C-alpha cells in the first residue's frame, strides 16, 4: 500500500521525511496509519516539492545595541 508520511520515520533500511511516499505491506501500512504516522497516498498525487530557497544571505545581525545602525 502506498503511504504518504505525516512524520519522519527512519531505520536501518529507510529514512523518510514528512511528505515522502513509500510502499509498505498491508499490515505495516495499517499500523502506521492507526499510529498517525502516515495517510494513504493517491497514486496520482504529484510528489511533494521542497519550497524554493531565497538566494543570498539572511540578515541575522541585530541592530538594537548599535546606535549608528539604520
PDB file of N, CA and C in Angstrom:
ATOM      1  N   UNK A   1       0.844  -1.156   0.000  1.00  0.00           N
ATOM      2  CA  UNK A   1       0.000   0.000   0.000  1.00  0.00           C
ATOM      3  C   UNK A   1       0.903   1.238   0.000  1.00  0.00           C
ATOM      4  N   UNK A   2       0.584   2.207  -0.856  1.00  0.00           N
ATOM      5  CA  UNK A   2       1.354   3.433  -0.947  1.00  0.00           C
ATOM      6  C   UNK A   2       0.879   4.409   0.128  1.00  0.00           C
ATOM      7  N   UNK A   3       1.823   4.867   0.968  1.00  0.00           N
ATOM      8  CA  UNK A   3       1.502   5.801   2.040  1.00  0.00           C
ATOM      9  C   UNK A   3       2.272   7.094   1.857  1.00  0.00           C
ATOM     10  N   UNK A   4       1.694   8.172   2.380  1.00  0.00           N
ATOM     11  CA  UNK A   4       2.354   9.469   2.440  1.00  0.00           C
ATOM     12  C   UNK A   4       2.619   9.743   3.910  1.00  0.00           C
ATOM     13  N   UNK A   5       3.876   9.954   4.251  1.00  0.00           N
ATOM     14  CA  UNK A   5       4.260  10.116   5.642  1.00  0.00           C
ATOM     15  C   UNK A   5       3.809  11.470   6.191  1.00  0.00           C
ATOM     16  N   UNK A   6       3.319  11.472   7.437  1.00  0.00           N
ATOM     17  CA  UNK A   6       2.953  12.709   8.116  1.00  0.00           C
ATOM     18  C   UNK A   6       4.022  13.083   9.142  1.00  0.00           C
ATOM     19  N   UNK A   7       4.884  12.143   9.489  1.00  0.00           N
ATOM     20  CA  UNK A   7       6.007  12.374  10.393  1.00  0.00           C
ATOM     21  C   UNK A   7       7.236  11.694   9.808  1.00  0.00           C
ATOM     22  N   UNK A   8       8.388  11.985  10.358  1.00  0.00           N
ATOM     23  CA  UNK A   8       9.601  11.324   9.913  1.00  0.00           C
ATOM     24  C   UNK A   8       9.664   9.902  10.444  1.00  0.00           C
ATOM     25  N   UNK A   9      10.287   9.039   9.686  1.00  0.00           N
ATOM     26  CA  UNK A   9      10.447   7.638  10.074  1.00  0.00           C
ATOM     27  C   UNK A   9      11.783   7.159   9.514  1.00  0.00           C
ATOM     28  N   UNK A  10      12.629   6.632  10.377  1.00  0.00           N
ATOM     29  CA  UNK A  10      13.917   6.137   9.885  1.00  0.00           C
ATOM     30  C   UNK A  10      14.266   4.827  10.571  1.00  0.00           C
ATOM     31  N   UNK A  11      15.059   4.066   9.909  1.00  0.00           N
ATOM     32  CA  UNK A  11      15.502   2.784  10.415  1.00  0.00           C
ATOM     33  C   UNK A  11      16.690   2.320   9.614  1.00  0.00           C
ATOM     34  N   UNK A  12      17.115   1.085   9.802  1.00  0.00           N
ATOM     35  CA  UNK A  12      18.298   0.592   9.093  1.00  0.00           C
ATOM     36  C   UNK A  12      18.100   0.495   7.583  1.00  0.00           C
ATOM     37  N   UNK A  13      16.842   0.370   7.123  1.00  0.00           N
ATOM     38  CA  UNK A  13      16.593   0.186   5.696  1.00  0.00           C
ATOM     39  C   UNK A  13      15.978   1.387   5.006  1.00  0.00           C
ATOM     40  N   UNK A  14      15.541   2.406   5.747  1.00  0.00           N
ATOM     41  CA  UNK A  14      14.908   3.562   5.109  1.00  0.00           C
ATOM     42  C   UNK A  14      15.005   4.794   5.984  1.00  0.00           C
ATOM     43  N   UNK A  15      14.812   5.937   5.341  1.00  0.00           N
ATOM     44  CA  UNK A  15      14.808   7.219   6.031  1.00  0.00           C
ATOM     45  C   UNK A  15      13.792   8.094   5.315  1.00  0.00           C
ATOM     46  N   UNK A  16      12.624   8.297   5.938  1.00  0.00           N
ATOM     47  CA  UNK A  16      11.534   9.033   5.315  1.00  0.00           C
ATOM     48  C   UNK A  16      11.247  10.316   6.077  1.00  0.00           C
ATOM     49  N   UNK A  17      10.971  11.374   5.346  1.00  0.00           N
ATOM     50  CA  UNK A  17      10.615  12.663   5.928  1.00  0.00           C
ATOM     51  C   UNK A  17       9.116  12.887   5.734  1.00  0.00           C
ATOM     52  N   UNK A  18       8.514  13.810   6.494  1.00  0.00           N
ATOM     53  CA  UNK A  18       7.103  14.122   6.267  1.00  0.00           C
ATOM     54  C   UNK A  18       6.880  14.522   4.807  1.00  0.00           C
ATOM     55  N   UNK A  19       5.842  13.951   4.207  1.00  0.00           N
ATOM     56  CA  UNK A  19       5.534  14.215   2.803  1.00  0.00           C
ATOM     57  C   UNK A  19       6.083  13.179   1.850  1.00  0.00           C
ATOM     58  N   UNK A  20       7.053  12.378   2.286  1.00  0.00           N
ATOM     59  CA  UNK A  20       7.603  11.322   1.437  1.00  0.00           C
ATOM     60  C   UNK A  20       6.563  10.227   1.235  1.00  0.00           C
ATOM     61  N   UNK A  21       6.627   9.593   0.074  1.00  0.00           N
ATOM     62  CA  UNK A  21       5.746   8.465  -0.225  1.00  0.00           C
ATOM     63  C   UNK A  21       6.572   7.200  -0.272  1.00  0.00           C
ATOM     64  N   UNK A  22       5.990   6.106   0.254  1.00  0.00           N
ATOM     65  CA  UNK A  22       6.700   4.833   0.288  1.00  0.00           C
ATOM     66  C   UNK A  22       5.685   3.699   0.268  1.00  0.00           C
ATOM     67  N   UNK A  23       6.060   2.608  -0.362  1.00  0.00           N
ATOM     68  CA  UNK A  23       5.219   1.419  -0.447  1.00  0.00           C
ATOM     69  C   UNK A  23       5.486   0.530   0.768  1.00  0.00           C
ATOM     70  N   UNK A  24       4.416   0.178   1.500  1.00  0.00           N
ATOM     71  CA  UNK A  24       4.504  -0.702   2.664  1.00  0.00           C
ATOM     72  C   UNK A  24       3.569  -1.887   2.451  1.00  0.00           C
ATOM     73  N   UNK A  25       3.860  -2.996   3.149  1.00  0.00           N
ATOM     74  CA  UNK A  25       2.936  -4.125   3.173  1.00  0.00           C
ATOM     75  C   UNK A  25       1.654  -3.712   3.875  1.00  0.00           C
ATOM     76  N   UNK A  26       0.550  -4.410   3.622  1.00  0.00           N
ATOM     77  CA  UNK A  26      -0.755  -4.012   4.156  1.00  0.00           C
ATOM     78  C   UNK A  26      -0.777  -3.932   5.677  1.00  0.00           C
ATOM     79  N   UNK A  27      -0.198  -4.905   6.363  1.00  0.00           N
ATOM     80  CA  UNK A  27      -0.204  -4.899   7.824  1.00  0.00           C
ATOM     81  C   UNK A  27       0.567  -3.722   8.400  1.00  0.00           C
ATOM     82  N   UNK A  28       1.752  -3.490   7.869  1.00  0.00           N
ATOM     83  CA  UNK A  28       2.579  -2.370   8.333  1.00  0.00           C
ATOM     84  C   UNK A  28       1.928  -1.036   7.991  1.00  0.00           C
ATOM     85  N   UNK A  29       1.297  -0.961   6.809  1.00  0.00           N
ATOM     86  CA  UNK A  29       0.638   0.277   6.400  1.00  0.00           C
ATOM     87  C   UNK A  29      -0.507   0.618   7.351  1.00  0.00           C
ATOM     88  N   UNK A  30      -1.321  -0.353   7.706  1.00  0.00           N
ATOM     89  CA  UNK A  30      -2.437  -0.115   8.622  1.00  0.00           C
ATOM     90  C   UNK A  30      -1.931   0.313   9.993  1.00  0.00           C
ATOM     91  N   UNK A  31      -0.847  -0.287  10.456  1.00  0.00           N
ATOM     92  CA  UNK A  31      -0.265   0.079  11.743  1.00  0.00           C
ATOM     93  C   UNK A  31       0.222   1.524  11.733  1.00  0.00           C
ATOM     94  N   UNK A  32       0.884   1.940  10.642  1.00  0.00           N
ATOM     95  CA  UNK A  32       1.382   3.312  10.543  1.00  0.00           C
ATOM     96  C   UNK A  32       0.241   4.328  10.454  1.00  0.00           C
ATOM     97  N   UNK A  33      -0.827   3.972   9.758  1.00  0.00           N
ATOM     98  CA  UNK A  33      -1.987   4.866   9.653  1.00  0.00           C
ATOM     99  C   UNK A  33      -2.660   5.014  11.014  1.00  0.00           C
ATOM    100  N   UNK A  34      -2.869   3.902  11.713  1.00  0.00           N
ATOM    101  CA  UNK A  34      -3.514   3.943  13.030  1.00  0.00           C
ATOM    102  C   UNK A  34      -2.682   4.726  14.046  1.00  0.00           C
ATOM    103  N   UNK A  35      -1.355   4.680  13.919  1.00  0.00           N
ATOM    104  CA  UNK A  35      -0.483   5.407  14.834  1.00  0.00           C
ATOM    105  C   UNK A  35      -0.387   6.891  14.483  1.00  0.00           C
ATOM    106  N   UNK A  36      -0.920   7.283  13.303  1.00  0.00           N
ATOM    107  CA  UNK A  36      -0.873   8.680  12.890  1.00  0.00           C
ATOM    108  C   UNK A  36       0.424   9.083  12.213  1.00  0.00           C
ATOM    109  N   UNK A  37       1.219   8.105  11.804  1.00  0.00           N
ATOM    110  CA  UNK A  37       2.487   8.399  11.157  1.00  0.00           C
ATOM    111  C   UNK A  37       2.356   8.588   9.652  1.00  0.00           C
ATOM    112  N   UNK A  38       1.221   8.149   9.073  1.00  0.00           N
ATOM    113  CA  UNK A  38       1.062   8.209   7.625  1.00  0.00           C
ATOM    114  C   UNK A  38      -0.411   8.208   7.255  1.00  0.00           C
ATOM    115  N   UNK A  39      -0.676   8.572   6.005  1.00  0.00           N
ATOM    116  CA  UNK A  39      -2.020   8.501   5.436  1.00  0.00           C
ATOM    117  C   UNK A  39      -1.896   7.799   4.090  1.00  0.00           C
ATOM    118  N   UNK A  40      -3.005   7.263   3.604  1.00  0.00           N
ATOM    119  CA  UNK A  40      -2.985   6.631   2.286  1.00  0.00           C
ATOM    120  C   UNK A  40      -2.696   7.696   1.237  1.00  0.00           C
ATOM    121  N   UNK A  41      -1.836   7.363   0.291  1.00  0.00           N
ATOM    122  CA  UNK A  41      -1.464   8.288  -0.780  1.00  0.00           C
ATOM    123  C   UNK A  41      -2.160   7.851  -2.060  1.00  0.00           C
ATOM    124  N   UNK A  42      -2.663   8.812  -2.787  1.00  0.00           N
ATOM    125  CA  UNK A  42      -3.217   8.518  -4.095  1.00  0.00           C
ATOM    126  C   UNK A  42      -2.066   8.370  -5.073  1.00  0.00           C
ATOM    127  N   UNK A  43      -2.151   7.405  -5.943  1.00  0.00           N
ATOM    128  CA  UNK A  43      -1.080   7.162  -6.905  1.00  0.00           C
ATOM    129  C   UNK A  43      -0.942   8.330  -7.876  1.00  0.00           C
ATOM    130  N   UNK A  44      -2.013   9.117  -8.058  1.00  0.00           N
ATOM    131  CA  UNK A  44      -1.985  10.224  -9.000  1.00  0.00           C
ATOM    132  C   UNK A  44      -1.465  11.519  -8.384  1.00  0.00           C
ATOM    133  N   UNK A  45      -1.237  11.530  -7.073  1.00  0.00           N
ATOM    134  CA  UNK A  45      -0.726  12.739  -6.418  1.00  0.00           C
ATOM    135  C   UNK A  45       0.654  13.088  -6.951  1.00  0.00           C
ATOM    136  N   UNK A  46       0.888  14.365  -7.129  1.00  0.00           N
ATOM    137  CA  UNK A  46       2.215  14.820  -7.524  1.00  0.00           C
ATOM    138  C   UNK A  46       3.142  14.716  -6.310  1.00  0.00           C
ATOM    139  N   UNK A  47       4.409  14.447  -6.511  1.00  0.00           N
ATOM    140  CA  UNK A  47       5.334  14.389  -5.382  1.00  0.00           C
ATOM    141  C   UNK A  47       5.390  15.743  -4.667  1.00  0.00           C
ATOM    142  N   UNK A  48       5.645  15.697  -3.394  1.00  0.00           N
ATOM    143  CA  UNK A  48       5.728  16.918  -2.610  1.00  0.00           C
ATOM    144  C   UNK A  48       7.038  17.618  -2.948  1.00  0.00           C
ATOM    145  N   UNK A  49       6.947  18.890  -3.355  1.00  0.00           N
ATOM    146  CA  UNK A  49       8.135  19.650  -3.725  1.00  0.00           C
ATOM    147  C   UNK A  49       8.636  20.451  -2.537  1.00  0.00           C
ATOM    148  N   UNK A  50       9.936  20.566  -2.442  1.00  0.00           N
ATOM    149  CA  UNK A  50      10.531  21.381  -1.379  1.00  0.00           C
ATOM    150  C   UNK A  50      10.317  22.853  -1.718  1.00  0.00           C
ATOM    151  N   UNK A  51      10.100  23.698  -0.727  1.00  0.00           N
ATOM    152  CA  UNK A  51       9.911  25.123  -1.016  1.00  0.00           C
ATOM    153  C   UNK A  51      11.168  25.733  -1.612  1.00  0.00           C
ATOM    154  N   UNK A  52      10.982  26.721  -2.491  1.00  0.00           N
ATOM    155  CA  UNK A  52      12.121  27.383  -3.121  1.00  0.00           C
ATOM    156  C   UNK A  52      12.874  28.195  -2.080  1.00  0.00           C
ATOM    157  N   UNK A  53      14.179  28.181  -2.183  1.00  0.00           N
ATOM    158  CA  UNK A  53      15.013  28.934  -1.246  1.00  0.00           C
ATOM    159  C   UNK A  53      15.357  30.286  -1.860  1.00  0.00           C
ATOM    160  N   UNK A  54      15.439  31.285  -1.003  1.00  0.00           N
ATOM    161  CA  UNK A  54      15.853  32.609  -1.453  1.00  0.00           C
ATOM    162  C   UNK A  54      17.368  32.629  -1.596  1.00  0.00           C
ATOM    163  N   UNK A  55      17.842  33.333  -2.604  1.00  0.00           N
ATOM    164  CA  UNK A  55      19.282  33.451  -2.799  1.00  0.00           C
ATOM    165  C   UNK A  55      19.817  34.571  -1.932  1.00  0.00           C
ATOM    166  N   UNK A  56      21.048  34.473  -1.550  1.00  0.00           N
ATOM    167  CA  UNK A  56      21.688  35.490  -0.743  1.00  0.00           C
ATOM    168  C   UNK A  56      21.713  35.093   0.715  1.00  0.00           C
ATOM    169  N   UNK A  57      22.363  35.909   1.502  1.00  0.00           N
ATOM    170  CA  UNK A  57      22.500  35.624   2.923  1.00  0.00           C
ATOM    171  C   UNK A  57      21.371  36.274   3.706  1.00  0.00           C
ATOM    172  N   UNK A  58      20.942  35.603   4.733  1.00  0.00           N
ATOM    173  CA  UNK A  58      19.915  36.156   5.610  1.00  0.00           C
ATOM    174  C   UNK A  58      20.544  37.195   6.523  1.00  0.00           C
ATOM    175  N   UNK A  59      19.798  38.261   6.820  1.00  0.00           N
ATOM    176  CA  UNK A  59      20.273  39.284   7.735  1.00  0.00           C
ATOM    177  C   UNK A  59      19.916  38.845   9.144  1.00  0.00           C
ATOM    178  N   UNK A  60      20.881  38.308   9.858  1.00  0.00           N
ATOM    179  CA  UNK A  60      20.621  37.776  11.194  1.00  0.00           C
ATOM    180  C   UNK A  60      21.271  38.607  12.286  1.00  0.00           C
ATOM    181  N   UNK A  61      21.846  39.747  11.926  1.00  0.00           N
ATOM    182  CA  UNK A  61      22.519  40.587  12.902  1.00  0.00           C
ATOM    183  C   UNK A  61      21.525  41.602  13.457  1.00  0.00           C
ATOM    184  N   UNK A  62      21.437  41.670  14.759  1.00  0.00           N
ATOM    185  CA  UNK A  62      20.545  42.625  15.407  1.00  0.00           C
ATOM    186  C   UNK A  62      21.201  43.994  15.438  1.00  0.00           C
ATOM    187  N   UNK A  63      20.404  45.036  15.196  1.00  0.00           N
ATOM    188  CA  UNK A  63      20.920  46.400  15.258  1.00  0.00           C
ATOM    189  C   UNK A  63      20.456  47.113  16.517  1.00  0.00           C
ATOM    190  N   UNK A  64      19.822  46.410  17.445  1.00  0.00           N
ATOM    191  CA  UNK A  64      19.281  47.027  18.651  1.00  0.00           C
ATOM    192  C   UNK A  64      20.362  47.680  19.506  1.00  0.00           C
ATOM    193  N   UNK A  65      21.522  47.090  19.639  1.00  0.00           N
ATOM    194  CA  UNK A  65      22.550  47.617  20.513  1.00  0.00           C
ATOM    195  C   UNK A  65      23.562  48.505  19.763  1.00  0.00           C
ATOM    196  N   UNK A  66      23.309  48.781  18.493  1.00  0.00           N
ATOM    197  CA  UNK A  66      24.214  49.593  17.686  1.00  0.00           C
ATOM    198  C   UNK A  66      23.521  50.911  17.336  1.00  0.00           C
ATOM    199  N   UNK A  67      23.815  52.009  18.072  1.00  0.00           N
ATOM    200  CA  UNK A  67      23.121  53.276  17.822  1.00  0.00           C
ATOM    201  C   UNK A  67      23.433  53.862  16.442  1.00  0.00           C
ATOM    202  N   UNK A  68      24.528  53.473  15.797  1.00  0.00           N
ATOM    203  CA  UNK A  68      24.874  54.002  14.492  1.00  0.00           C
ATOM    204  C   UNK A  68      24.221  53.261  13.338  1.00  0.00           C
ATOM    205  N   UNK A  69      23.592  52.167  13.617  1.00  0.00           N
ATOM    206  CA  UNK A  69      22.948  51.380  12.560  1.00  0.00           C
ATOM    207  C   UNK A  69      21.622  52.010  12.182  1.00  0.00           C
ATOM    208  N   UNK A  70      21.263  51.884  10.949  1.00  0.00           N
ATOM    209  CA  UNK A  70      19.992  52.451  10.485  1.00  0.00           C
ATOM    210  C   UNK A  70      18.849  51.494  10.697  1.00  0.00           C
TER     211      UNK A  70
END
